[in-house]
Amino acid sequence: MIEVKRSVAEALHFLQEMLEGEGLTDVRLEEVELSDDGSLWHITLSFLRRPPQSDLVSALGLPQREYKMITMSSDTGEMRSMKITAPA
């Protein structure tokens, strides 16, 4: 089984690779959970990203915090999904 620290590091790398060039800042680990059967890590990360120029909030220059849940195999480290999620 892949240890939790390694799974988080790989999830961070995956997020940065998938959203490369989108100006992510202040990336944070929010939650880590092992599935009940122990086969998957569910890792929630958040980050700030500037809104599109057409967005009213962008006129104020306020970045928005976004949340992504990354699911990966706890045995192989294979990424299974990256989904939009909301804070609890």
PDB file of N, CA and C in Angstrom:
ATOM      1  N   MET A   1       0.847  -1.192   0.000  1.00  0.00           N
ATOM      2  CA  MET A   1       0.000   0.000   0.000  1.00  0.00           C
ATOM      3  C   MET A   1       0.883   1.243   0.000  1.00  0.00           C
ATOM      4  N   ILE A   2       0.479   2.218  -0.791  1.00  0.00           N
ATOM      5  CA  ILE A   2       1.193   3.492  -0.834  1.00  0.00           C
ATOM      6  C   ILE A   2       0.863   4.278   0.434  1.00  0.00           C
ATOM      7  N   GLU A   3       1.896   4.754   1.108  1.00  0.00           N
ATOM      8  CA  GLU A   3       1.719   5.512   2.337  1.00  0.00           C
ATOM      9  C   GLU A   3       1.056   6.866   2.057  1.00  0.00           C
ATOM     10  N   VAL A   4       0.434   7.430   3.076  1.00  0.00           N
ATOM     11  CA  VAL A   4      -0.346   8.655   2.915  1.00  0.00           C
ATOM     12  C   VAL A   4       0.515   9.835   2.439  1.00  0.00           C
ATOM     13  N   LYS A   5       1.725   9.985   2.973  1.00  0.00           N
ATOM     14  CA  LYS A   5       2.568  11.116   2.551  1.00  0.00           C
ATOM     15  C   LYS A   5       2.904  11.040   1.065  1.00  0.00           C
ATOM     16  N   ARG A   6       3.208   9.830   0.605  1.00  0.00           N
ATOM     17  CA  ARG A   6       3.532   9.664  -0.810  1.00  0.00           C
ATOM     18  C   ARG A   6       2.297   9.911  -1.683  1.00  0.00           C
ATOM     19  N   SER A   7       1.137   9.446  -1.243  1.00  0.00           N
ATOM     20  CA  SER A   7      -0.083   9.647  -2.031  1.00  0.00           C
ATOM     21  C   SER A   7      -0.420  11.133  -2.148  1.00  0.00           C
ATOM     22  N   VAL A   8      -0.229  11.875  -1.081  1.00  0.00           N
ATOM     23  CA  VAL A   8      -0.489  13.320  -1.119  1.00  0.00           C
ATOM     24  C   VAL A   8       0.501  14.010  -2.058  1.00  0.00           C
ATOM     25  N   ALA A   9       1.768  13.651  -1.975  1.00  0.00           N
ATOM     26  CA  ALA A   9       2.782  14.243  -2.855  1.00  0.00           C
ATOM     27  C   ALA A   9       2.458  13.961  -4.320  1.00  0.00           C
ATOM     28  N   GLU A  10       2.033  12.753  -4.622  1.00  0.00           N
ATOM     29  CA  GLU A  10       1.689  12.407  -6.000  1.00  0.00           C
ATOM     30  C   GLU A  10       0.432  13.132  -6.463  1.00  0.00           C
ATOM     31  N   ALA A  11      -0.530  13.304  -5.566  1.00  0.00           N
ATOM     32  CA  ALA A  11      -1.751  14.043  -5.911  1.00  0.00           C
ATOM     33  C   ALA A  11      -1.430  15.514  -6.198  1.00  0.00           C
ATOM     34  N   LEU A  12      -0.552  16.106  -5.399  1.00  0.00           N
ATOM     35  CA  LEU A  12      -0.140  17.494  -5.639  1.00  0.00           C
ATOM     36  C   LEU A  12       0.543  17.632  -6.993  1.00  0.00           C
ATOM     37  N   HIS A  13       1.425  16.705  -7.297  1.00  0.00           N
ATOM     38  CA  HIS A  13       2.118  16.722  -8.584  1.00  0.00           C
ATOM     39  C   HIS A  13       1.114  16.572  -9.739  1.00  0.00           C
ATOM     40  N   PHE A  14       0.165  15.654  -9.597  1.00  0.00           N
ATOM     41  CA  PHE A  14      -0.865  15.423 -10.609  1.00  0.00           C
ATOM     42  C   PHE A  14      -1.692  16.692 -10.837  1.00  0.00           C
ATOM     43  N   LEU A  15      -2.128  17.338  -9.757  1.00  0.00           N
ATOM     44  CA  LEU A  15      -2.917  18.573  -9.869  1.00  0.00           C
ATOM     45  C   LEU A  15      -2.143  19.635 -10.626  1.00  0.00           C
ATOM     46  N   GLN A  16      -0.897  19.853 -10.253  1.00  0.00           N
ATOM     47  CA  GLN A  16      -0.090  20.881 -10.894  1.00  0.00           C
ATOM     48  C   GLN A  16       0.171  20.560 -12.364  1.00  0.00           C
ATOM     49  N   GLU A  17       0.324  19.288 -12.675  1.00  0.00           N
ATOM     50  CA  GLU A  17       0.547  18.878 -14.062  1.00  0.00           C
ATOM     51  C   GLU A  17      -0.721  19.058 -14.900  1.00  0.00           C
ATOM     52  N   MET A  18      -1.858  18.689 -14.363  1.00  0.00           N
ATOM     53  CA  MET A  18      -3.121  18.779 -15.093  1.00  0.00           C
ATOM     54  C   MET A  18      -3.571  20.228 -15.308  1.00  0.00           C
ATOM     55  N   LEU A  19      -3.267  21.089 -14.359  1.00  0.00           N
ATOM     56  CA  LEU A  19      -3.713  22.486 -14.446  1.00  0.00           C
ATOM     57  C   LEU A  19      -2.539  23.429 -14.695  1.00  0.00           C
ATOM     58  N   GLU A  20      -1.517  22.919 -15.335  1.00  0.00           N
ATOM     59  CA  GLU A  20      -0.324  23.706 -15.645  1.00  0.00           C
ATOM     60  C   GLU A  20      -0.700  24.951 -16.457  1.00  0.00           C
ATOM     61  N   GLY A  21      -0.100  26.063 -16.084  1.00  0.00           N
ATOM     62  CA  GLY A  21      -0.337  27.306 -16.810  1.00  0.00           C
ATOM     63  C   GLY A  21      -1.601  28.043 -16.408  1.00  0.00           C
ATOM     64  N   GLU A  22      -2.315  27.555 -15.407  1.00  0.00           N
ATOM     65  CA  GLU A  22      -3.559  28.207 -14.994  1.00  0.00           C
ATOM     66  C   GLU A  22      -3.375  29.117 -13.787  1.00  0.00           C
ATOM     67  N   GLY A  23      -2.136  29.340 -13.394  1.00  0.00           N
ATOM     68  CA  GLY A  23      -1.858  30.304 -12.336  1.00  0.00           C
ATOM     69  C   GLY A  23      -2.371  29.913 -10.962  1.00  0.00           C
ATOM     70  N   LEU A  24      -2.193  28.653 -10.578  1.00  0.00           N
ATOM     71  CA  LEU A  24      -2.633  28.216  -9.255  1.00  0.00           C
ATOM     72  C   LEU A  24      -1.673  28.745  -8.201  1.00  0.00           C
ATOM     73  N   THR A  25      -2.225  29.216  -7.107  1.00  0.00           N
ATOM     74  CA  THR A  25      -1.416  29.661  -5.977  1.00  0.00           C
ATOM     75  C   THR A  25      -2.032  29.143  -4.682  1.00  0.00           C
ATOM     76  N   ASP A  26      -1.259  29.183  -3.629  1.00  0.00           N
ATOM     77  CA  ASP A  26      -1.712  28.805  -2.291  1.00  0.00           C
ATOM     78  C   ASP A  26      -2.403  27.432  -2.289  1.00  0.00           C
ATOM     79  N   VAL A  27      -1.730  26.426  -2.854  1.00  0.00           N
ATOM     80  CA  VAL A  27      -2.273  25.066  -2.890  1.00  0.00           C
ATOM     81  C   VAL A  27      -2.214  24.501  -1.476  1.00  0.00           C
ATOM     82  N   ARG A  28      -3.337  23.923  -1.033  1.00  0.00           N
ATOM     83  CA  ARG A  28      -3.442  23.396   0.333  1.00  0.00           C
ATOM     84  C   ARG A  28      -4.011  21.977   0.333  1.00  0.00           C
ATOM     85  N   LEU A  29      -3.525  21.176   1.255  1.00  0.00           N
ATOM     86  CA  LEU A  29      -4.129  19.879   1.517  1.00  0.00           C
ATOM     87  C   LEU A  29      -5.304  20.123   2.455  1.00  0.00           C
ATOM     88  N   GLU A  30      -6.484  19.653   2.077  1.00  0.00           N
ATOM     89  CA  GLU A  30      -7.676  19.852   2.900  1.00  0.00           C
ATOM     90  C   GLU A  30      -8.075  18.569   3.644  1.00  0.00           C
ATOM     91  N   GLU A  31      -8.126  17.446   2.908  1.00  0.00           N
ATOM     92  CA  GLU A  31      -8.536  16.176   3.520  1.00  0.00           C
ATOM     93  C   GLU A  31      -7.845  15.010   2.833  1.00  0.00           C
ATOM     94  N   VAL A  32      -7.652  13.935   3.587  1.00  0.00           N
ATOM     95  CA  VAL A  32      -7.174  12.661   3.049  1.00  0.00           C
ATOM     96  C   VAL A  32      -8.014  11.578   3.701  1.00  0.00           C
ATOM     97  N   GLU A  33      -8.507  10.657   2.873  1.00  0.00           N
ATOM     98  CA  GLU A  33      -9.327   9.572   3.396  1.00  0.00           C
ATOM     99  C   GLU A  33      -9.037   8.297   2.610  1.00  0.00           C
ATOM    100  N   LEU A  34      -8.879   7.208   3.320  1.00  0.00           N
ATOM    101  CA  LEU A  34      -8.734   5.898   2.703  1.00  0.00           C
ATOM    102  C   LEU A  34     -10.131   5.288   2.612  1.00  0.00           C
ATOM    103  N   SER A  35     -10.486   4.745   1.447  1.00  0.00           N
ATOM    104  CA  SER A  35     -11.815   4.142   1.283  1.00  0.00           C
ATOM    105  C   SER A  35     -12.007   3.000   2.278  1.00  0.00           C
ATOM    106  N   ASP A  36     -13.254   2.658   2.541  1.00  0.00           N
ATOM    107  CA  ASP A  36     -13.574   1.612   3.514  1.00  0.00           C
ATOM    108  C   ASP A  36     -12.894   0.291   3.203  1.00  0.00           C
ATOM    109  N   ASP A  37     -12.764  -0.031   1.928  1.00  0.00           N
ATOM    110  CA  ASP A  37     -12.127  -1.299   1.562  1.00  0.00           C
ATOM    111  C   ASP A  37     -10.610  -1.167   1.411  1.00  0.00           C
ATOM    112  N   GLY A  38     -10.080   0.043   1.612  1.00  0.00           N
ATOM    113  CA  GLY A  38      -8.638   0.264   1.575  1.00  0.00           C
ATOM    114  C   GLY A  38      -8.030   0.317   0.184  1.00  0.00           C
ATOM    115  N   SER A  39      -8.854   0.362  -0.863  1.00  0.00           N
ATOM    116  CA  SER A  39      -8.328   0.309  -2.226  1.00  0.00           C
ATOM    117  C   SER A  39      -8.051   1.679  -2.843  1.00  0.00           C
ATOM    118  N   LEU A  40      -8.616   2.742  -2.273  1.00  0.00           N
ATOM    119  CA  LEU A  40      -8.486   4.074  -2.864  1.00  0.00           C
ATOM    120  C   LEU A  40      -8.146   5.132  -1.820  1.00  0.00           C
ATOM    121  N   TRP A  41      -7.310   6.064  -2.228  1.00  0.00           N
ATOM    122  CA  TRP A  41      -7.088   7.283  -1.454  1.00  0.00           C
ATOM    123  C   TRP A  41      -7.961   8.366  -2.070  1.00  0.00           C
ATOM    124  N   HIS A  42      -8.671   9.114  -1.227  1.00  0.00           N
ATOM    125  CA  HIS A  42      -9.441  10.286  -1.650  1.00  0.00           C
ATOM    126  C   HIS A  42      -8.730  11.491  -1.035  1.00  0.00           C
ATOM    127  N   ILE A  43      -8.156  12.321  -1.888  1.00  0.00           N
ATOM    128  CA  ILE A  43      -7.333  13.443  -1.430  1.00  0.00           C
ATOM    129  C   ILE A  43      -7.954  14.735  -1.932  1.00  0.00           C
ATOM    130  N   THR A  44      -8.352  15.601  -1.009  1.00  0.00           N
ATOM    131  CA  THR A  44      -8.952  16.878  -1.381  1.00  0.00           C
ATOM    132  C   THR A  44      -7.909  17.969  -1.246  1.00  0.00           C
ATOM    133  N   LEU A  45      -7.702  18.700  -2.343  1.00  0.00           N
ATOM    134  CA  LEU A  45      -6.765  19.813  -2.397  1.00  0.00           C
ATOM    135  C   LEU A  45      -7.541  21.076  -2.743  1.00  0.00           C
ATOM    136  N   SER A  46      -7.053  22.213  -2.275  1.00  0.00           N
ATOM    137  CA  SER A  46      -7.661  23.484  -2.670  1.00  0.00           C
ATOM    138  C   SER A  46      -6.548  24.412  -3.155  1.00  0.00           C
ATOM    139  N   PHE A  47      -6.956  25.422  -3.900  1.00  0.00           N
ATOM    140  CA  PHE A  47      -6.005  26.375  -4.458  1.00  0.00           C
ATOM    141  C   PHE A  47      -6.746  27.643  -4.842  1.00  0.00           C
ATOM    142  N   LEU A  48      -5.977  28.697  -5.028  1.00  0.00           N
ATOM    143  CA  LEU A  48      -6.528  29.949  -5.530  1.00  0.00           C
ATOM    144  C   LEU A  48      -6.246  30.023  -7.021  1.00  0.00           C
ATOM    145  N   ARG A  49      -7.239  30.528  -7.754  1.00  0.00           N
ATOM    146  CA  ARG A  49      -7.071  30.736  -9.186  1.00  0.00           C
ATOM    147  C   ARG A  49      -7.826  32.013  -9.551  1.00  0.00           C
ATOM    148  N   ARG A  50      -7.178  32.835 -10.329  1.00  0.00           N
ATOM    149  CA  ARG A  50      -7.838  34.066 -10.770  1.00  0.00           C
ATOM    150  C   ARG A  50      -9.027  33.729 -11.656  1.00  0.00           C
ATOM    151  N   PRO A  51     -10.154  34.417 -11.459  1.00  0.00           N
ATOM    152  CA  PRO A  51     -11.325  34.170 -12.305  1.00  0.00           C
ATOM    153  C   PRO A  51     -11.094  34.690 -13.726  1.00  0.00           C
ATOM    154  N   PRO A  52     -11.879  34.204 -14.680  1.00  0.00           N
ATOM    155  CA  PRO A  52     -11.752  34.703 -16.059  1.00  0.00           C
ATOM    156  C   PRO A  52     -11.979  36.218 -16.124  1.00  0.00           C
ATOM    157  N   GLN A  53     -11.371  36.865 -17.081  1.00  0.00           N
ATOM    158  CA  GLN A  53     -11.474  38.320 -17.204  1.00  0.00           C
ATOM    159  C   GLN A  53     -12.918  38.798 -17.354  1.00  0.00           C
ATOM    160  N   SER A  54     -13.790  37.977 -17.891  1.00  0.00           N
ATOM    161  CA  SER A  54     -15.180  38.380 -18.091  1.00  0.00           C
ATOM    162  C   SER A  54     -16.000  38.305 -16.803  1.00  0.00           C
ATOM    163  N   ASP A  55     -15.444  37.713 -15.771  1.00  0.00           N
ATOM    164  CA  ASP A  55     -16.146  37.536 -14.505  1.00  0.00           C
ATOM    165  C   ASP A  55     -16.130  38.853 -13.720  1.00  0.00           C
ATOM    166  N   LEU A  56     -17.261  39.204 -13.127  1.00  0.00           N
ATOM    167  CA  LEU A  56     -17.369  40.442 -12.350  1.00  0.00           C
ATOM    168  C   LEU A  56     -16.369  40.461 -11.202  1.00  0.00           C
ATOM    169  N   VAL A  57     -16.142  39.305 -10.556  1.00  0.00           N
ATOM    170  CA  VAL A  57     -15.215  39.235  -9.431  1.00  0.00           C
ATOM    171  C   VAL A  57     -13.809  39.618  -9.883  1.00  0.00           C
ATOM    172  N   SER A  58     -13.460  39.313 -11.145  1.00  0.00           N
ATOM    173  CA  SER A  58     -12.111  39.628 -11.621  1.00  0.00           C
ATOM    174  C   SER A  58     -11.868  41.128 -11.649  1.00  0.00           C
ATOM    175  N   ALA A  59     -12.927  41.903 -11.791  1.00  0.00           N
ATOM    176  CA  ALA A  59     -12.780  43.356 -11.771  1.00  0.00           C
ATOM    177  C   ALA A  59     -12.260  43.808 -10.405  1.00  0.00           C
ATOM    178  N   LEU A  60     -12.567  43.049  -9.384  1.00  0.00           N
ATOM    179  CA  LEU A  60     -12.099  43.359  -8.034  1.00  0.00           C
ATOM    180  C   LEU A  60     -10.719  42.771  -7.771  1.00  0.00           C
ATOM    181  N   GLY A  61     -10.275  41.881  -8.653  1.00  0.00           N
ATOM    182  CA  GLY A  61      -8.967  41.264  -8.500  1.00  0.00           C
ATOM    183  C   GLY A  61      -8.897  40.209  -7.414  1.00  0.00           C
ATOM    184  N   LEU A  62     -10.030  39.618  -7.067  1.00  0.00           N
ATOM    185  CA  LEU A  62     -10.060  38.621  -6.000  1.00  0.00           C
ATOM    186  C   LEU A  62      -9.963  37.211  -6.569  1.00  0.00           C
ATOM    187  N   PRO A  63      -8.931  36.468  -6.202  1.00  0.00           N
ATOM    188  CA  PRO A  63      -8.865  35.073  -6.646  1.00  0.00           C
ATOM    189  C   PRO A  63      -9.930  34.254  -5.920  1.00  0.00           C
ATOM    190  N   GLN A  64     -10.317  33.157  -6.516  1.00  0.00           N
ATOM    191  CA  GLN A  64     -11.337  32.297  -5.925  1.00  0.00           C
ATOM    192  C   GLN A  64     -10.704  30.974  -5.486  1.00  0.00           C
ATOM    193  N   ARG A  65     -11.083  30.486  -4.294  1.00  0.00           N
ATOM    194  CA  ARG A  65     -10.585  29.201  -3.827  1.00  0.00           C
ATOM    195  C   ARG A  65     -11.421  28.109  -4.467  1.00  0.00           C
ATOM    196  N   GLU A  66     -10.729  27.131  -5.052  1.00  0.00           N
ATOM    197  CA  GLU A  66     -11.378  25.986  -5.672  1.00  0.00           C
ATOM    198  C   GLU A  66     -10.909  24.718  -4.975  1.00  0.00           C
ATOM    199  N   TYR A  67     -11.749  23.691  -5.033  1.00  0.00           N
ATOM    200  CA  TYR A  67     -11.476  22.424  -4.368  1.00  0.00           C
ATOM    201  C   TYR A  67     -11.576  21.287  -5.375  1.00  0.00           C
ATOM    202  N   LYS A  68     -10.605  20.380  -5.324  1.00  0.00           N
ATOM    203  CA  LYS A  68     -10.597  19.197  -6.191  1.00  0.00           C
ATOM    204  C   LYS A  68     -10.362  17.966  -5.329  1.00  0.00           C
ATOM    205  N   MET A  69     -11.134  16.909  -5.604  1.00  0.00           N
ATOM    206  CA  MET A  69     -10.887  15.629  -4.959  1.00  0.00           C
ATOM    207  C   MET A  69     -10.214  14.720  -5.972  1.00  0.00           C
ATOM    208  N   ILE A  70      -9.042  14.264  -5.611  1.00  0.00           N
ATOM    209  CA  ILE A  70      -8.281  13.354  -6.455  1.00  0.00           C
ATOM    210  C   ILE A  70      -8.382  11.969  -5.835  1.00  0.00           C
ATOM    211  N   THR A  71      -8.766  11.003  -6.656  1.00  0.00           N
ATOM    212  CA  THR A  71      -8.881   9.622  -6.212  1.00  0.00           C
ATOM    213  C   THR A  71      -7.796   8.816  -6.896  1.00  0.00           C
ATOM    214  N   MET A  72      -7.071   8.052  -6.091  1.00  0.00           N
ATOM    215  CA  MET A  72      -5.988   7.236  -6.639  1.00  0.00           C
ATOM    216  C   MET A  72      -5.984   5.865  -5.983  1.00  0.00           C
ATOM    217  N   SER A  73      -5.467   4.880  -6.719  1.00  0.00           N
ATOM    218  CA  SER A  73      -5.335   3.526  -6.199  1.00  0.00           C
ATOM    219  C   SER A  73      -4.323   3.530  -5.057  1.00  0.00           C
ATOM    220  N   SER A  74      -4.684   2.922  -3.954  1.00  0.00           N
ATOM    221  CA  SER A  74      -3.759   2.867  -2.815  1.00  0.00           C
ATOM    222  C   SER A  74      -2.679   1.814  -3.036  1.00  0.00           C
ATOM    223  N   ASP A  75      -2.882   0.931  -3.988  1.00  0.00           N
ATOM    224  CA  ASP A  75      -1.887  -0.113  -4.277  1.00  0.00           C
ATOM    225  C   ASP A  75      -0.861   0.326  -5.316  1.00  0.00           C
ATOM    226  N   THR A  76      -1.329   0.948  -6.395  1.00  0.00           N
ATOM    227  CA  THR A  76      -0.441   1.268  -7.522  1.00  0.00           C
ATOM    228  C   THR A  76      -0.123   2.745  -7.665  1.00  0.00           C
ATOM    229  N   GLY A  77      -0.936   3.620  -7.054  1.00  0.00           N
ATOM    230  CA  GLY A  77      -0.750   5.055  -7.219  1.00  0.00           C
ATOM    231  C   GLY A  77      -1.373   5.593  -8.491  1.00  0.00           C
ATOM    232  N   GLU A  78      -2.074   4.730  -9.234  1.00  0.00           N
ATOM    233  CA  GLU A  78      -2.737   5.154 -10.465  1.00  0.00           C
ATOM    234  C   GLU A  78      -3.847   6.149 -10.140  1.00  0.00           C
ATOM    235  N   MET A  79      -3.849   7.279 -10.875  1.00  0.00           N
ATOM    236  CA  MET A  79      -4.891   8.274 -10.684  1.00  0.00           C
ATOM    237  C   MET A  79      -6.177   7.764 -11.322  1.00  0.00           C
ATOM    238  N   ARG A  80      -7.253   7.830 -10.571  1.00  0.00           N
ATOM    239  CA  ARG A  80      -8.540   7.350 -11.060  1.00  0.00           C
ATOM    240  C   ARG A  80      -9.451   8.490 -11.470  1.00  0.00           C
ATOM    241  N   SER A  81      -9.395   9.593 -10.717  1.00  0.00           N
ATOM    242  CA  SER A  81     -10.268  10.713 -11.075  1.00  0.00           C
ATOM    243  C   SER A  81      -9.817  11.988 -10.386  1.00  0.00           C
ATOM    244  N   MET A  82     -10.276  13.111 -10.942  1.00  0.00           N
ATOM    245  CA  MET A  82     -10.128  14.426 -10.333  1.00  0.00           C
ATOM    246  C   MET A  82     -11.475  15.106 -10.512  1.00  0.00           C
ATOM    247  N   LYS A  83     -12.141  15.408  -9.408  1.00  0.00           N
ATOM    248  CA  LYS A  83     -13.479  15.970  -9.457  1.00  0.00           C
ATOM    249  C   LYS A  83     -13.550  17.286  -8.709  1.00  0.00           C
ATOM    250  N   ILE A  84     -14.456  18.134  -9.161  1.00  0.00           N
ATOM    251  CA  ILE A  84     -14.755  19.371  -8.449  1.00  0.00           C
ATOM    252  C   ILE A  84     -15.495  18.991  -7.170  1.00  0.00           C
ATOM    253  N   THR A  85     -15.119  19.614  -6.106  1.00  0.00           N
ATOM    254  CA  THR A  85     -15.817  19.361  -4.841  1.00  0.00           C
ATOM    255  C   THR A  85     -15.960  20.688  -4.103  1.00  0.00           C
ATOM    256  N   ALA A  86     -16.741  20.683  -3.061  1.00  0.00           N
ATOM    257  CA  ALA A  86     -16.978  21.890  -2.269  1.00  0.00           C
ATOM    258  C   ALA A  86     -16.470  21.654  -0.846  1.00  0.00           C
ATOM    259  N   PRO A  87     -16.129  22.732  -0.140  1.00  0.00           N
ATOM    260  CA  PRO A  87     -15.668  22.545   1.238  1.00  0.00           C
ATOM    261  C   PRO A  87     -16.774  21.981   2.103  1.00  0.00           C
ATOM    262  N   ALA A  88     -16.387  21.215   3.101  1.00  0.00           N
ATOM    263  CA  ALA A  88     -17.379  20.605   4.010  1.00  0.00           C
ATOM    264  C   ALA A  88     -17.900  21.612   4.980  1.00  0.00           C
TER     265      ALA A  88
END
